Amino acid sequence: MTEKQMTESLGDALPQEIQRVQELIPMYESVQMGFIAAGLMRESIRAAHEAMIAGDVVAMLQAYGDLKGYKA
């Protein structure tokens, strides 16, 4: 496998992180006070979408790092 094949582009990775975090939201909403984290997740997803629409690579990197911080 080449280095290029091993390296995933931000354009591919960010939508995958958005999807992963969207799948976490119901789990967080099902626990007491989890609605707070779910709201933060929704805001992070919104920011990621805005960054992608604007084509702002710096904001996309920030959004990607933010989304990576959410754990199951």
C-alpha atoms as a PDB file:
ATOM      1  CA  MET A   1       0.000   0.000   0.000  1.00  0.00           C
ATOM      2  CA  THR A   2       1.390   3.403  -0.932  1.00  0.00           C
ATOM      3  CA  GLU A   3       1.583   6.370   1.411  1.00  0.00           C
ATOM      4  CA  LYS A   4      -1.085   8.106  -0.679  1.00  0.00           C
ATOM      5  CA  GLN A   5      -3.465   5.185  -0.183  1.00  0.00           C
ATOM      6  CA  MET A   6      -2.761   5.156   3.541  1.00  0.00           C
ATOM      7  CA  THR A   7      -3.357   8.881   3.959  1.00  0.00           C
ATOM      8  CA  GLU A   8      -6.991   9.846   4.023  1.00  0.00           C
ATOM      9  CA  SER A   9      -7.878  13.304   2.768  1.00  0.00           C
ATOM     10  CA  LEU A  10      -9.652  15.800   4.982  1.00  0.00           C
ATOM     11  CA  GLY A  11     -12.434  15.924   2.402  1.00  0.00           C
ATOM     12  CA  ASP A  12     -13.075  12.224   3.052  1.00  0.00           C
ATOM     13  CA  ALA A  13     -12.338  12.142   6.778  1.00  0.00           C
ATOM     14  CA  LEU A  14     -14.501  15.076   7.904  1.00  0.00           C
ATOM     15  CA  PRO A  15     -17.801  13.715   6.518  1.00  0.00           C
ATOM     16  CA  GLN A  16     -16.970  10.352   8.121  1.00  0.00           C
ATOM     17  CA  GLU A  17     -16.448  12.053  11.489  1.00  0.00           C
ATOM     18  CA  ILE A  18     -19.717  13.953  11.078  1.00  0.00           C
ATOM     19  CA  GLN A  19     -21.514  10.650  10.468  1.00  0.00           C
ATOM     20  CA  ARG A  20     -19.797   8.971  13.423  1.00  0.00           C
ATOM     21  CA  VAL A  21     -20.789  11.760  15.800  1.00  0.00           C
ATOM     22  CA  GLN A  22     -24.361  11.859  14.438  1.00  0.00           C
ATOM     23  CA  GLU A  23     -24.616   8.190  15.366  1.00  0.00           C
ATOM     24  CA  LEU A  24     -23.498   8.982  18.941  1.00  0.00           C
ATOM     25  CA  ILE A  25     -26.209  11.589  19.558  1.00  0.00           C
ATOM     26  CA  PRO A  26     -29.071   9.122  20.295  1.00  0.00           C
ATOM     27  CA  MET A  27     -26.862   7.291  22.784  1.00  0.00           C
ATOM     28  CA  TYR A  28     -26.114  10.514  24.641  1.00  0.00           C
ATOM     29  CA  GLU A  29     -29.751  11.616  24.535  1.00  0.00           C
ATOM     30  CA  SER A  30     -30.776   8.353  26.209  1.00  0.00           C
ATOM     31  CA  VAL A  31     -28.843   9.070  29.416  1.00  0.00           C
ATOM     32  CA  GLN A  32     -29.587  11.598  32.122  1.00  0.00           C
ATOM     33  CA  MET A  33     -28.133  15.027  31.272  1.00  0.00           C
ATOM     34  CA  GLY A  34     -26.828  13.634  27.981  1.00  0.00           C
ATOM     35  CA  PHE A  35     -28.818  16.265  26.125  1.00  0.00           C
ATOM     36  CA  ILE A  36     -26.062  18.746  26.984  1.00  0.00           C
ATOM     37  CA  ALA A  37     -23.387  16.727  25.180  1.00  0.00           C
ATOM     38  CA  ALA A  38     -25.817  16.005  22.336  1.00  0.00           C
ATOM     39  CA  GLY A  39     -26.334  19.741  21.884  1.00  0.00           C
ATOM     40  CA  LEU A  40     -22.588  20.318  21.761  1.00  0.00           C
ATOM     41  CA  MET A  41     -22.281  17.556  19.175  1.00  0.00           C
ATOM     42  CA  ARG A  42     -24.953  19.157  17.009  1.00  0.00           C
ATOM     43  CA  GLU A  43     -23.134  22.489  17.202  1.00  0.00           C
ATOM     44  CA  SER A  44     -19.851  20.823  16.207  1.00  0.00           C
ATOM     45  CA  ILE A  45     -21.559  19.148  13.257  1.00  0.00           C
ATOM     46  CA  ARG A  46     -23.084  22.478  12.191  1.00  0.00           C
ATOM     47  CA  ALA A  47     -19.654  24.139  12.327  1.00  0.00           C
ATOM     48  CA  ALA A  48     -18.142  21.306  10.277  1.00  0.00           C
ATOM     49  CA  HIS A  49     -20.818  21.671   7.606  1.00  0.00           C
ATOM     50  CA  GLU A  50     -20.304  25.438   7.452  1.00  0.00           C
ATOM     51  CA  ALA A  51     -16.533  24.973   7.093  1.00  0.00           C
ATOM     52  CA  MET A  52     -17.008  22.495   4.254  1.00  0.00           C
ATOM     53  CA  ILE A  53     -19.494  24.738   2.442  1.00  0.00           C
ATOM     54  CA  ALA A  54     -17.134  27.700   2.756  1.00  0.00           C
ATOM     55  CA  GLY A  55     -14.140  25.597   1.696  1.00  0.00           C
ATOM     56  CA  ASP A  56     -12.276  26.905   4.758  1.00  0.00           C
ATOM     57  CA  VAL A  57      -9.522  24.318   5.269  1.00  0.00           C
ATOM     58  CA  VAL A  58      -8.402  25.746   8.614  1.00  0.00           C
ATOM     59  CA  ALA A  59     -11.960  25.632   9.974  1.00  0.00           C
ATOM     60  CA  MET A  60     -12.366  22.126   8.547  1.00  0.00           C
ATOM     61  CA  LEU A  61      -9.253  20.987  10.426  1.00  0.00           C
ATOM     62  CA  GLN A  62     -10.560  22.562  13.623  1.00  0.00           C
ATOM     63  CA  ALA A  63     -13.950  20.933  13.146  1.00  0.00           C
ATOM     64  CA  TYR A  64     -12.328  17.569  12.484  1.00  0.00           C
ATOM     65  CA  GLY A  65     -10.306  17.814  15.700  1.00  0.00           C
ATOM     66  CA  ASP A  66     -13.399  18.848  17.630  1.00  0.00           C
ATOM     67  CA  LEU A  67     -15.454  15.938  16.307  1.00  0.00           C
ATOM     68  CA  LYS A  68     -12.641  13.446  17.033  1.00  0.00           C
ATOM     69  CA  GLY A  69     -12.957  14.440  20.695  1.00  0.00           C
ATOM     70  CA  TYR A  70     -16.414  12.899  21.062  1.00  0.00           C
ATOM     71  CA  LYS A  71     -16.275   9.349  22.366  1.00  0.00           C
ATOM     72  CA  ALA A  72     -18.841   6.590  22.760  1.00  0.00           C
END
